[in-house]
């Protein structure tokens, strides 16, 4: 997948428009692999998740958790309740982040949980 920004997006659109009536044009081989940036779904958003092999880590290495802000209280209560179990990692003291927050709010949550 390639994300096209500004001039590259304009160039790709022009190539596809020129080939609109020619389904055998080579641009259609590339078209499924091209995407313009969409708010909340861009290269910057997805690249952290593209790991071509296992990514081993222990539960103790988890430094923060993510979820919708409106579910943070329920998540925290769940972690507190489950922390009493011997095989459950206590995440109740980990920062909770809503991925829809702006960078300043995320930074604040990570620095001052």
PDB file of N, CA and C in Angstrom:
ATOM      1  N   UNK A   1       0.853  -1.178   0.000  1.00  0.00           N
ATOM      2  CA  UNK A   1       0.000   0.000   0.000  1.00  0.00           C
ATOM      3  C   UNK A   1       0.890   1.228   0.000  1.00  0.00           C
ATOM      4  N   UNK A   2       0.602   2.160  -0.865  1.00  0.00           N
ATOM      5  CA  UNK A   2       1.311   3.432  -0.903  1.00  0.00           C
ATOM      6  C   UNK A   2       0.303   4.549  -0.712  1.00  0.00           C
ATOM      7  N   UNK A   3       0.634   5.472   0.162  1.00  0.00           N
ATOM      8  CA  UNK A   3      -0.215   6.633   0.384  1.00  0.00           C
ATOM      9  C   UNK A   3       0.296   7.779  -0.459  1.00  0.00           C
ATOM     10  N   UNK A   4      -0.620   8.422  -1.121  1.00  0.00           N
ATOM     11  CA  UNK A   4      -0.263   9.501  -2.022  1.00  0.00           C
ATOM     12  C   UNK A   4      -0.658  10.835  -1.418  1.00  0.00           C
ATOM     13  N   UNK A   5       0.294  11.724  -1.326  1.00  0.00           N
ATOM     14  CA  UNK A   5       0.063  13.050  -0.794  1.00  0.00           C
ATOM     15  C   UNK A   5       0.267  14.086  -1.893  1.00  0.00           C
ATOM     16  N   UNK A   6      -0.522  15.108  -1.880  1.00  0.00           N
ATOM     17  CA  UNK A   6      -0.412  16.303  -2.714  1.00  0.00           C
ATOM     18  C   UNK A   6      -0.088  16.000  -4.176  1.00  0.00           C
ATOM     19  N   UNK A   7       1.133  16.329  -4.642  1.00  0.00           N
ATOM     20  CA  UNK A   7       1.476  16.198  -6.053  1.00  0.00           C
ATOM     21  C   UNK A   7       1.377  14.761  -6.538  1.00  0.00           C
ATOM     22  N   UNK A   8       1.731  13.808  -5.705  1.00  0.00           N
ATOM     23  CA  UNK A   8       1.656  12.403  -6.119  1.00  0.00           C
ATOM     24  C   UNK A   8       0.208  11.970  -6.300  1.00  0.00           C
ATOM     25  N   UNK A   9      -0.661  12.450  -5.426  1.00  0.00           N
ATOM     26  CA  UNK A   9      -2.081  12.126  -5.570  1.00  0.00           C
ATOM     27  C   UNK A   9      -2.633  12.741  -6.849  1.00  0.00           C
ATOM     28  N   UNK A  10      -2.249  13.969  -7.131  1.00  0.00           N
ATOM     29  CA  UNK A  10      -2.691  14.641  -8.350  1.00  0.00           C
ATOM     30  C   UNK A  10      -2.200  13.893  -9.584  1.00  0.00           C
ATOM     31  N   UNK A  11      -0.940  13.460  -9.574  1.00  0.00           N
ATOM     32  CA  UNK A  11      -0.378  12.722 -10.703  1.00  0.00           C
ATOM     33  C   UNK A  11      -1.096  11.389 -10.904  1.00  0.00           C
ATOM     34  N   UNK A  12      -1.354  10.671  -9.822  1.00  0.00           N
ATOM     35  CA  UNK A  12      -2.046   9.376  -9.930  1.00  0.00           C
ATOM     36  C   UNK A  12      -3.464   9.570 -10.469  1.00  0.00           C
ATOM     37  N   UNK A  13      -4.153  10.593 -10.001  1.00  0.00           N
ATOM     38  CA  UNK A  13      -5.500  10.870 -10.498  1.00  0.00           C
ATOM     39  C   UNK A  13      -5.476  11.169 -11.992  1.00  0.00           C
ATOM     40  N   UNK A  14      -4.486  11.945 -12.438  1.00  0.00           N
ATOM     41  CA  UNK A  14      -4.381  12.276 -13.864  1.00  0.00           C
ATOM     42  C   UNK A  14      -4.145  11.018 -14.696  1.00  0.00           C
ATOM     43  N   UNK A  15      -3.271  10.132 -14.217  1.00  0.00           N
ATOM     44  CA  UNK A  15      -3.004   8.886 -14.938  1.00  0.00           C
ATOM     45  C   UNK A  15      -4.262   8.023 -15.028  1.00  0.00           C
ATOM     46  N   UNK A  16      -5.006   7.941 -13.936  1.00  0.00           N
ATOM     47  CA  UNK A  16      -6.221   7.129 -13.946  1.00  0.00           C
ATOM     48  C   UNK A  16      -7.299   7.745 -14.827  1.00  0.00           C
ATOM     49  N   UNK A  17      -7.392   9.069 -14.841  1.00  0.00           N
ATOM     50  CA  UNK A  17      -8.380   9.719 -15.707  1.00  0.00           C
ATOM     51  C   UNK A  17      -8.044   9.472 -17.179  1.00  0.00           C
ATOM     52  N   UNK A  18      -6.751   9.548 -17.526  1.00  0.00           N
ATOM     53  CA  UNK A  18      -6.343   9.303 -18.919  1.00  0.00           C
ATOM     54  C   UNK A  18      -6.646   7.863 -19.335  1.00  0.00           C
ATOM     55  N   UNK A  19      -6.598   6.947 -18.376  1.00  0.00           N
ATOM     56  CA  UNK A  19      -6.804   5.528 -18.676  1.00  0.00           C
ATOM     57  C   UNK A  19      -8.237   5.075 -18.406  1.00  0.00           C
ATOM     58  N   UNK A  20      -9.121   6.004 -18.164  1.00  0.00           N
ATOM     59  CA  UNK A  20     -10.492   5.658 -17.775  1.00  0.00           C
ATOM     60  C   UNK A  20     -11.181   4.736 -18.776  1.00  0.00           C
ATOM     61  N   UNK A  21     -10.877   4.888 -20.041  1.00  0.00           N
ATOM     62  CA  UNK A  21     -11.543   4.064 -21.067  1.00  0.00           C
ATOM     63  C   UNK A  21     -10.711   2.863 -21.505  1.00  0.00           C
ATOM     64  N   UNK A  22      -9.567   2.646 -20.842  1.00  0.00           N
ATOM     65  CA  UNK A  22      -8.673   1.543 -21.240  1.00  0.00           C
ATOM     66  C   UNK A  22      -8.402   0.649 -20.040  1.00  0.00           C
ATOM     67  N   UNK A  23      -9.203  -0.395 -19.906  1.00  0.00           N
ATOM     68  CA  UNK A  23      -9.057  -1.275 -18.739  1.00  0.00           C
ATOM     69  C   UNK A  23      -7.745  -2.051 -18.750  1.00  0.00           C
ATOM     70  N   UNK A  24      -7.006  -2.050 -19.851  1.00  0.00           N
ATOM     71  CA  UNK A  24      -5.726  -2.745 -19.935  1.00  0.00           C
ATOM     72  C   UNK A  24      -4.531  -1.836 -19.658  1.00  0.00           C
ATOM     73  N   UNK A  25      -4.791  -0.569 -19.397  1.00  0.00           N
ATOM     74  CA  UNK A  25      -3.698   0.360 -19.106  1.00  0.00           C
ATOM     75  C   UNK A  25      -2.970  -0.103 -17.835  1.00  0.00           C
ATOM     76  N   UNK A  26      -1.634  -0.040 -17.831  1.00  0.00           N
ATOM     77  CA  UNK A  26      -0.854  -0.493 -16.677  1.00  0.00           C
ATOM     78  C   UNK A  26      -1.182   0.227 -15.361  1.00  0.00           C
ATOM     79  N   UNK A  27      -1.746   1.419 -15.450  1.00  0.00           N
ATOM     80  CA  UNK A  27      -2.063   2.137 -14.208  1.00  0.00           C
ATOM     81  C   UNK A  27      -3.047   1.342 -13.347  1.00  0.00           C
ATOM     82  N   UNK A  28      -3.900   0.527 -13.970  1.00  0.00           N
ATOM     83  CA  UNK A  28      -4.888  -0.233 -13.202  1.00  0.00           C
ATOM     84  C   UNK A  28      -4.250  -1.396 -12.426  1.00  0.00           C
ATOM     85  N   UNK A  29      -3.023  -1.759 -12.792  1.00  0.00           N
ATOM     86  CA  UNK A  29      -2.284  -2.758 -12.013  1.00  0.00           C
ATOM     87  C   UNK A  29      -1.834  -2.153 -10.692  1.00  0.00           C
ATOM     88  N   UNK A  30      -1.520  -0.866 -10.734  1.00  0.00           N
ATOM     89  CA  UNK A  30      -1.046  -0.174  -9.525  1.00  0.00           C
ATOM     90  C   UNK A  30      -2.176   0.419  -8.687  1.00  0.00           C
ATOM     91  N   UNK A  31      -3.261   0.783  -9.318  1.00  0.00           N
ATOM     92  CA  UNK A  31      -4.332   1.501  -8.629  1.00  0.00           C
ATOM     93  C   UNK A  31      -4.794   0.855  -7.321  1.00  0.00           C
ATOM     94  N   UNK A  32      -4.952  -0.463  -7.240  1.00  0.00           N
ATOM     95  CA  UNK A  32      -5.408  -1.045  -5.965  1.00  0.00           C
ATOM     96  C   UNK A  32      -4.408  -0.869  -4.822  1.00  0.00           C
ATOM     97  N   UNK A  33      -3.179  -0.530  -5.156  1.00  0.00           N
ATOM     98  CA  UNK A  33      -2.142  -0.382  -4.131  1.00  0.00           C
ATOM     99  C   UNK A  33      -1.942   1.063  -3.702  1.00  0.00           C
ATOM    100  N   UNK A  34      -2.733   1.970  -4.240  1.00  0.00           N
ATOM    101  CA  UNK A  34      -2.586   3.391  -3.954  1.00  0.00           C
ATOM    102  C   UNK A  34      -3.762   3.876  -3.137  1.00  0.00           C
ATOM    103  N   UNK A  35      -3.473   4.752  -2.203  1.00  0.00           N
ATOM    104  CA  UNK A  35      -4.546   5.307  -1.390  1.00  0.00           C
ATOM    105  C   UNK A  35      -4.179   6.726  -0.989  1.00  0.00           C
ATOM    106  N   UNK A  36      -5.167   7.578  -1.016  1.00  0.00           N
ATOM    107  CA  UNK A  36      -4.966   8.937  -0.532  1.00  0.00           C
ATOM    108  C   UNK A  36      -5.152   8.964   0.972  1.00  0.00           C
ATOM    109  N   UNK A  37      -4.569   9.951   1.635  1.00  0.00           N
ATOM    110  CA  UNK A  37      -4.721  10.022   3.088  1.00  0.00           C
ATOM    111  C   UNK A  37      -6.170  10.294   3.479  1.00  0.00           C
ATOM    112  N   UNK A  38      -6.629   9.597   4.483  1.00  0.00           N
ATOM    113  CA  UNK A  38      -7.962   9.771   5.028  1.00  0.00           C
ATOM    114  C   UNK A  38      -7.790  10.031   6.514  1.00  0.00           C
ATOM    115  N   UNK A  39      -8.496  10.998   7.052  1.00  0.00           N
ATOM    116  CA  UNK A  39      -8.363  11.311   8.471  1.00  0.00           C
ATOM    117  C   UNK A  39      -8.569  10.053   9.300  1.00  0.00           C
ATOM    118  N   UNK A  40      -7.623   9.741  10.164  1.00  0.00           N
ATOM    119  CA  UNK A  40      -7.706   8.562  11.015  1.00  0.00           C
ATOM    120  C   UNK A  40      -7.275   7.277  10.333  1.00  0.00           C
ATOM    121  N   UNK A  41      -6.873   7.361   9.069  1.00  0.00           N
ATOM    122  CA  UNK A  41      -6.471   6.154   8.360  1.00  0.00           C
ATOM    123  C   UNK A  41      -5.393   6.511   7.342  1.00  0.00           C
ATOM    124  N   UNK A  42      -4.239   6.870   7.825  1.00  0.00           N
ATOM    125  CA  UNK A  42      -3.157   7.237   6.928  1.00  0.00           C
ATOM    126  C   UNK A  42      -1.926   6.408   7.259  1.00  0.00           C
ATOM    127  N   UNK A  43      -0.917   6.562   6.467  1.00  0.00           N
ATOM    128  CA  UNK A  43       0.319   5.815   6.669  1.00  0.00           C
ATOM    129  C   UNK A  43       0.841   5.990   8.096  1.00  0.00           C
ATOM    130  N   UNK A  44       0.824   7.207   8.580  1.00  0.00           N
ATOM    131  CA  UNK A  44       1.329   7.460   9.930  1.00  0.00           C
ATOM    132  C   UNK A  44       0.558   6.659  10.967  1.00  0.00           C
ATOM    133  N   UNK A  45      -0.720   6.438  10.693  1.00  0.00           N
ATOM    134  CA  UNK A  45      -1.564   5.694  11.627  1.00  0.00           C
ATOM    135  C   UNK A  45      -1.261   4.204  11.573  1.00  0.00           C
ATOM    136  N   UNK A  46      -1.060   3.661  10.401  1.00  0.00           N
ATOM    137  CA  UNK A  46      -0.953   2.219  10.233  1.00  0.00           C
ATOM    138  C   UNK A  46       0.456   1.659  10.347  1.00  0.00           C
ATOM    139  N   UNK A  47       1.474   2.444  10.114  1.00  0.00           N
ATOM    140  CA  UNK A  47       2.814   1.866  10.008  1.00  0.00           C
ATOM    141  C   UNK A  47       3.276   1.176  11.289  1.00  0.00           C
ATOM    142  N   UNK A  48       2.819   1.619  12.449  1.00  0.00           N
ATOM    143  CA  UNK A  48       3.239   0.983  13.690  1.00  0.00           C
ATOM    144  C   UNK A  48       2.750  -0.452  13.794  1.00  0.00           C
ATOM    145  N   UNK A  49       1.708  -0.795  13.075  1.00  0.00           N
ATOM    146  CA  UNK A  49       1.118  -2.117  13.183  1.00  0.00           C
ATOM    147  C   UNK A  49       1.662  -3.093  12.152  1.00  0.00           C
ATOM    148  N   UNK A  50       2.498  -2.631  11.270  1.00  0.00           N
ATOM    149  CA  UNK A  50       3.012  -3.500  10.210  1.00  0.00           C
ATOM    150  C   UNK A  50       4.314  -4.147  10.654  1.00  0.00           C
ATOM    151  N   UNK A  51       4.197  -5.276  11.291  1.00  0.00           N
ATOM    152  CA  UNK A  51       5.357  -6.019  11.755  1.00  0.00           C
ATOM    153  C   UNK A  51       5.300  -7.389  11.085  1.00  0.00           C
ATOM    154  N   UNK A  52       6.273  -7.705  10.242  1.00  0.00           N
ATOM    155  CA  UNK A  52       6.182  -8.946   9.462  1.00  0.00           C
ATOM    156  C   UNK A  52       6.549 -10.209  10.231  1.00  0.00           C
ATOM    157  N   UNK A  53       6.745 -10.127  11.528  1.00  0.00           N
ATOM    158  CA  UNK A  53       7.036 -11.322  12.318  1.00  0.00           C
ATOM    159  C   UNK A  53       6.402 -11.157  13.700  1.00  0.00           C
ATOM    160  N   UNK A  54       6.563 -12.168  14.543  1.00  0.00           N
ATOM    161  CA  UNK A  54       6.033 -12.077  15.898  1.00  0.00           C
ATOM    162  C   UNK A  54       6.658 -10.899  16.623  1.00  0.00           C
ATOM    163  N   UNK A  55       5.902 -10.325  17.524  1.00  0.00           N
ATOM    164  CA  UNK A  55       6.380  -9.214  18.334  1.00  0.00           C
ATOM    165  C   UNK A  55       6.197  -9.609  19.799  1.00  0.00           C
ATOM    166  N   UNK A  56       7.129 -10.413  20.302  1.00  0.00           N
ATOM    167  CA  UNK A  56       6.952 -10.923  21.669  1.00  0.00           C
ATOM    168  C   UNK A  56       7.216  -9.845  22.730  1.00  0.00           C
ATOM    169  N   UNK A  57       6.358  -9.818  23.722  1.00  0.00           N
ATOM    170  CA  UNK A  57       6.561  -8.967  24.893  1.00  0.00           C
ATOM    171  C   UNK A  57       5.754  -9.564  26.034  1.00  0.00           C
ATOM    172  N   UNK A  58       6.172  -9.260  27.235  1.00  0.00           N
ATOM    173  CA  UNK A  58       5.470  -9.782  28.406  1.00  0.00           C
ATOM    174  C   UNK A  58       4.395  -8.791  28.840  1.00  0.00           C
ATOM    175  N   UNK A  59       3.386  -9.235  29.562  1.00  0.00           N
ATOM    176  CA  UNK A  59       2.360  -8.304  30.050  1.00  0.00           C
ATOM    177  C   UNK A  59       2.954  -7.163  30.878  1.00  0.00           C
ATOM    178  N   UNK A  60       4.019  -7.418  31.587  1.00  0.00           N
ATOM    179  CA  UNK A  60       4.632  -6.367  32.406  1.00  0.00           C
ATOM    180  C   UNK A  60       5.249  -5.260  31.564  1.00  0.00           C
ATOM    181  N   UNK A  61       5.526  -5.537  30.301  1.00  0.00           N
ATOM    182  CA  UNK A  61       6.126  -4.527  29.430  1.00  0.00           C
ATOM    183  C   UNK A  61       5.100  -3.558  28.837  1.00  0.00           C
ATOM    184  N   UNK A  62       3.826  -3.824  29.013  1.00  0.00           N
ATOM    185  CA  UNK A  62       2.786  -2.932  28.497  1.00  0.00           C
ATOM    186  C   UNK A  62       2.818  -1.639  29.315  1.00  0.00           C
ATOM    187  N   UNK A  63       3.003  -0.522  28.624  1.00  0.00           N
ATOM    188  CA  UNK A  63       3.154   0.762  29.306  1.00  0.00           C
ATOM    189  C   UNK A  63       1.892   1.614  29.307  1.00  0.00           C
ATOM    190  N   UNK A  64       0.981   1.378  28.376  1.00  0.00           N
ATOM    191  CA  UNK A  64      -0.288   2.094  28.330  1.00  0.00           C
ATOM    192  C   UNK A  64      -1.289   1.239  27.565  1.00  0.00           C
ATOM    193  N   UNK A  65      -2.565   1.583  27.715  1.00  0.00           N
ATOM    194  CA  UNK A  65      -3.629   0.855  27.041  1.00  0.00           C
ATOM    195  C   UNK A  65      -4.483   1.849  26.280  1.00  0.00           C
ATOM    196  N   UNK A  66      -5.141   1.373  25.231  1.00  0.00           N
ATOM    197  CA  UNK A  66      -5.968   2.261  24.432  1.00  0.00           C
ATOM    198  C   UNK A  66      -7.412   1.797  24.434  1.00  0.00           C
ATOM    199  N   UNK A  67      -8.297   2.764  24.334  1.00  0.00           N
ATOM    200  CA  UNK A  67      -9.725   2.497  24.240  1.00  0.00           C
ATOM    201  C   UNK A  67     -10.461   3.815  24.167  1.00  0.00           C
ATOM    202  N   UNK A  68     -11.713   3.784  23.766  1.00  0.00           N
ATOM    203  CA  UNK A  68     -12.501   5.017  23.707  1.00  0.00           C
ATOM    204  C   UNK A  68     -12.606   5.659  25.090  1.00  0.00           C
ATOM    205  N   UNK A  69     -12.488   6.963  25.143  1.00  0.00           N
ATOM    206  CA  UNK A  69     -12.510   7.662  26.429  1.00  0.00           C
ATOM    207  C   UNK A  69     -13.750   7.325  27.251  1.00  0.00           C
ATOM    208  N   UNK A  70     -14.889   7.164  26.584  1.00  0.00           N
ATOM    209  CA  UNK A  70     -16.119   6.885  27.333  1.00  0.00           C
ATOM    210  C   UNK A  70     -16.091   5.509  27.996  1.00  0.00           C
ATOM    211  N   UNK A  71     -15.121   4.667  27.641  1.00  0.00           N
ATOM    212  CA  UNK A  71     -15.003   3.348  28.263  1.00  0.00           C
ATOM    213  C   UNK A  71     -13.858   3.260  29.270  1.00  0.00           C
ATOM    214  N   UNK A  72     -13.127   4.346  29.470  1.00  0.00           N
ATOM    215  CA  UNK A  72     -11.977   4.304  30.373  1.00  0.00           C
ATOM    216  C   UNK A  72     -12.351   3.926  31.801  1.00  0.00           C
ATOM    217  N   UNK A  73     -13.429   4.471  32.328  1.00  0.00           N
ATOM    218  CA  UNK A  73     -13.822   4.151  33.710  1.00  0.00           C
ATOM    219  C   UNK A  73     -14.139   2.663  33.855  1.00  0.00           C
ATOM    220  N   UNK A  74     -14.853   2.113  32.889  1.00  0.00           N
ATOM    221  CA  UNK A  74     -15.180   0.684  32.928  1.00  0.00           C
ATOM    222  C   UNK A  74     -13.921  -0.163  32.771  1.00  0.00           C
ATOM    223  N   UNK A  75     -13.019   0.270  31.912  1.00  0.00           N
ATOM    224  CA  UNK A  75     -11.762  -0.463  31.734  1.00  0.00           C
ATOM    225  C   UNK A  75     -10.975  -0.464  33.044  1.00  0.00           C
ATOM    226  N   UNK A  76     -10.854   0.698  33.661  1.00  0.00           N
ATOM    227  CA  UNK A  76     -10.101   0.810  34.910  1.00  0.00           C
ATOM    228  C   UNK A  76     -10.732  -0.087  35.978  1.00  0.00           C
ATOM    229  N   UNK A  77     -12.060  -0.088  36.097  1.00  0.00           N
ATOM    230  CA  UNK A  77     -12.750  -0.929  37.090  1.00  0.00           C
ATOM    231  C   UNK A  77     -12.480  -2.406  36.816  1.00  0.00           C
ATOM    232  N   UNK A  78     -12.499  -2.781  35.558  1.00  0.00           N
ATOM    233  CA  UNK A  78     -12.218  -4.167  35.180  1.00  0.00           C
ATOM    234  C   UNK A  78     -10.807  -4.563  35.600  1.00  0.00           C
ATOM    235  N   UNK A  79      -9.833  -3.710  35.339  1.00  0.00           N
ATOM    236  CA  UNK A  79      -8.452  -4.026  35.703  1.00  0.00           C
ATOM    237  C   UNK A  79      -8.278  -4.129  37.217  1.00  0.00           C
ATOM    238  N   UNK A  80      -8.916  -3.258  37.951  1.00  0.00           N
ATOM    239  CA  UNK A  80      -8.832  -3.311  39.418  1.00  0.00           C
ATOM    240  C   UNK A  80      -9.426  -4.623  39.921  1.00  0.00           C
ATOM    241  N   UNK A  81     -10.583  -4.995  39.385  1.00  0.00           N
ATOM    242  CA  UNK A  81     -11.241  -6.239  39.807  1.00  0.00           C
ATOM    243  C   UNK A  81     -10.398  -7.460  39.470  1.00  0.00           C
ATOM    244  N   UNK A  82      -9.901  -7.520  38.254  1.00  0.00           N
ATOM    245  CA  UNK A  82      -9.139  -8.691  37.807  1.00  0.00           C
ATOM    246  C   UNK A  82      -7.750  -8.764  38.430  1.00  0.00           C
ATOM    247  N   UNK A  83      -7.220  -7.639  38.896  1.00  0.00           N
ATOM    248  CA  UNK A  83      -5.875  -7.622  39.480  1.00  0.00           C
ATOM    249  C   UNK A  83      -5.789  -8.501  40.725  1.00  0.00           C
ATOM    250  N   UNK A  84      -6.923  -8.838  41.309  1.00  0.00           N
ATOM    251  CA  UNK A  84      -6.945  -9.712  42.479  1.00  0.00           C
ATOM    252  C   UNK A  84      -6.619 -11.154  42.111  1.00  0.00           C
ATOM    253  N   UNK A  85      -6.751 -11.484  40.834  1.00  0.00           N
ATOM    254  CA  UNK A  85      -6.484 -12.844  40.384  1.00  0.00           C
ATOM    255  C   UNK A  85      -4.980 -13.037  40.192  1.00  0.00           C
ATOM    256  N   UNK A  86      -4.445 -14.162  40.614  1.00  0.00           N
ATOM    257  CA  UNK A  86      -2.995 -14.368  40.578  1.00  0.00           C
ATOM    258  C   UNK A  86      -2.376 -14.375  39.182  1.00  0.00           C
ATOM    259  N   UNK A  87      -3.133 -14.782  38.167  1.00  0.00           N
ATOM    260  CA  UNK A  87      -2.578 -14.864  36.810  1.00  0.00           C
ATOM    261  C   UNK A  87      -2.905 -13.661  35.942  1.00  0.00           C
ATOM    262  N   UNK A  88      -3.433 -12.589  36.548  1.00  0.00           N
ATOM    263  CA  UNK A  88      -3.820 -11.417  35.762  1.00  0.00           C
ATOM    264  C   UNK A  88      -2.908 -10.252  36.108  1.00  0.00           C
ATOM    265  N   UNK A  89      -2.320  -9.659  35.093  1.00  0.00           N
ATOM    266  CA  UNK A  89      -1.441  -8.511  35.293  1.00  0.00           C
ATOM    267  C   UNK A  89      -2.260  -7.306  35.738  1.00  0.00           C
ATOM    268  N   UNK A  90      -1.775  -6.592  36.731  1.00  0.00           N
ATOM    269  CA  UNK A  90      -2.464  -5.402  37.228  1.00  0.00           C
ATOM    270  C   UNK A  90      -2.163  -4.212  36.314  1.00  0.00           C
ATOM    271  N   UNK A  91      -3.104  -3.888  35.457  1.00  0.00           N
ATOM    272  CA  UNK A  91      -2.950  -2.743  34.551  1.00  0.00           C
ATOM    273  C   UNK A  91      -3.648  -1.502  35.086  1.00  0.00           C
ATOM    274  N   UNK A  92      -4.168  -1.560  36.294  1.00  0.00           N
ATOM    275  CA  UNK A  92      -4.970  -0.449  36.801  1.00  0.00           C
ATOM    276  C   UNK A  92      -4.184   0.850  36.923  1.00  0.00           C
ATOM    277  N   UNK A  93      -2.855   0.769  36.996  1.00  0.00           N
ATOM    278  CA  UNK A  93      -2.054   1.986  37.124  1.00  0.00           C
ATOM    279  C   UNK A  93      -1.446   2.442  35.793  1.00  0.00           C
ATOM    280  N   UNK A  94      -1.814   1.796  34.696  1.00  0.00           N
ATOM    281  CA  UNK A  94      -1.293   2.172  33.383  1.00  0.00           C
ATOM    282  C   UNK A  94      -2.141   3.295  32.786  1.00  0.00           C
ATOM    283  N   UNK A  95      -1.527   4.217  32.074  1.00  0.00           N
ATOM    284  CA  UNK A  95      -2.314   5.267  31.420  1.00  0.00           C
ATOM    285  C   UNK A  95      -3.272   4.677  30.393  1.00  0.00           C
ATOM    286  N   UNK A  96      -4.450   5.266  30.301  1.00  0.00           N
ATOM    287  CA  UNK A  96      -5.430   4.906  29.284  1.00  0.00           C
ATOM    288  C   UNK A  96      -5.474   6.032  28.260  1.00  0.00           C
ATOM    289  N   UNK A  97      -5.375   5.667  26.996  1.00  0.00           N
ATOM    290  CA  UNK A  97      -5.295   6.629  25.908  1.00  0.00           C
ATOM    291  C   UNK A  97      -6.458   6.398  24.949  1.00  0.00           C
ATOM    292  N   UNK A  98      -7.075   7.471  24.511  1.00  0.00           N
ATOM    293  CA  UNK A  98      -8.050   7.400  23.427  1.00  0.00           C
ATOM    294  C   UNK A  98      -7.309   7.832  22.164  1.00  0.00           C
ATOM    295  N   UNK A  99      -7.248   6.965  21.168  1.00  0.00           N
ATOM    296  CA  UNK A  99      -6.481   7.259  19.959  1.00  0.00           C
ATOM    297  C   UNK A  99      -7.075   8.402  19.145  1.00  0.00           C
ATOM    298  N   UNK A 100      -8.236   8.883  19.517  1.00  0.00           N
ATOM    299  CA  UNK A 100      -8.819  10.046  18.847  1.00  0.00           C
ATOM    300  C   UNK A 100      -8.378  11.360  19.478  1.00  0.00           C
ATOM    301  N   UNK A 101      -7.687  11.286  20.600  1.00  0.00           N
ATOM    302  CA  UNK A 101      -7.184  12.502  21.237  1.00  0.00           C
ATOM    303  C   UNK A 101      -6.098  13.132  20.380  1.00  0.00           C
ATOM    304  N   UNK A 102      -5.898  14.440  20.556  1.00  0.00           N
ATOM    305  CA  UNK A 102      -4.784  15.086  19.863  1.00  0.00           C
ATOM    306  C   UNK A 102      -3.479  14.745  20.584  1.00  0.00           C
ATOM    307  N   UNK A 103      -2.366  15.021  19.945  1.00  0.00           N
ATOM    308  CA  UNK A 103      -1.052  14.633  20.484  1.00  0.00           C
ATOM    309  C   UNK A 103      -0.771  15.226  21.853  1.00  0.00           C
ATOM    310  N   UNK A 104      -1.194  16.466  22.092  1.00  0.00           N
ATOM    311  CA  UNK A 104      -0.936  17.090  23.394  1.00  0.00           C
ATOM    312  C   UNK A 104      -1.662  16.347  24.514  1.00  0.00           C
ATOM    313  N   UNK A 105      -2.882  15.956  24.259  1.00  0.00           N
ATOM    314  CA  UNK A 105      -3.645  15.231  25.290  1.00  0.00           C
ATOM    315  C   UNK A 105      -3.050  13.849  25.534  1.00  0.00           C
ATOM    316  N   UNK A 106      -2.628  13.167  24.479  1.00  0.00           N
ATOM    317  CA  UNK A 106      -1.979  11.859  24.646  1.00  0.00           C
ATOM    318  C   UNK A 106      -0.695  12.016  25.447  1.00  0.00           C
ATOM    319  N   UNK A 107       0.101  13.014  25.087  1.00  0.00           N
ATOM    320  CA  UNK A 107       1.367  13.261  25.808  1.00  0.00           C
ATOM    321  C   UNK A 107       1.093  13.510  27.289  1.00  0.00           C
ATOM    322  N   UNK A 108       0.079  14.323  27.583  1.00  0.00           N
ATOM    323  CA  UNK A 108      -0.265  14.618  28.976  1.00  0.00           C
ATOM    324  C   UNK A 108      -0.678  13.344  29.719  1.00  0.00           C
ATOM    325  N   UNK A 109      -1.474  12.498  29.082  1.00  0.00           N
ATOM    326  CA  UNK A 109      -1.917  11.262  29.721  1.00  0.00           C
ATOM    327  C   UNK A 109      -0.744  10.326  29.996  1.00  0.00           C
ATOM    328  N   UNK A 110       0.229  10.319  29.097  1.00  0.00           N
ATOM    329  CA  UNK A 110       1.397   9.460  29.296  1.00  0.00           C
ATOM    330  C   UNK A 110       2.334   9.996  30.364  1.00  0.00           C
ATOM    331  N   UNK A 111       2.454  11.306  30.446  1.00  0.00           N
ATOM    332  CA  UNK A 111       3.362  11.905  31.426  1.00  0.00           C
ATOM    333  C   UNK A 111       2.765  12.002  32.817  1.00  0.00           C
ATOM    334  N   UNK A 112       1.449  12.201  32.887  1.00  0.00           N
ATOM    335  CA  UNK A 112       0.775  12.404  34.183  1.00  0.00           C
ATOM    336  C   UNK A 112      -0.439  11.497  34.312  1.00  0.00           C
ATOM    337  N   UNK A 113      -0.212  10.185  34.433  1.00  0.00           N
ATOM    338  CA  UNK A 113      -1.362   9.278  34.522  1.00  0.00           C
ATOM    339  C   UNK A 113      -2.061   9.483  35.800  1.00  0.00           C
TER     340      UNK A 113
END
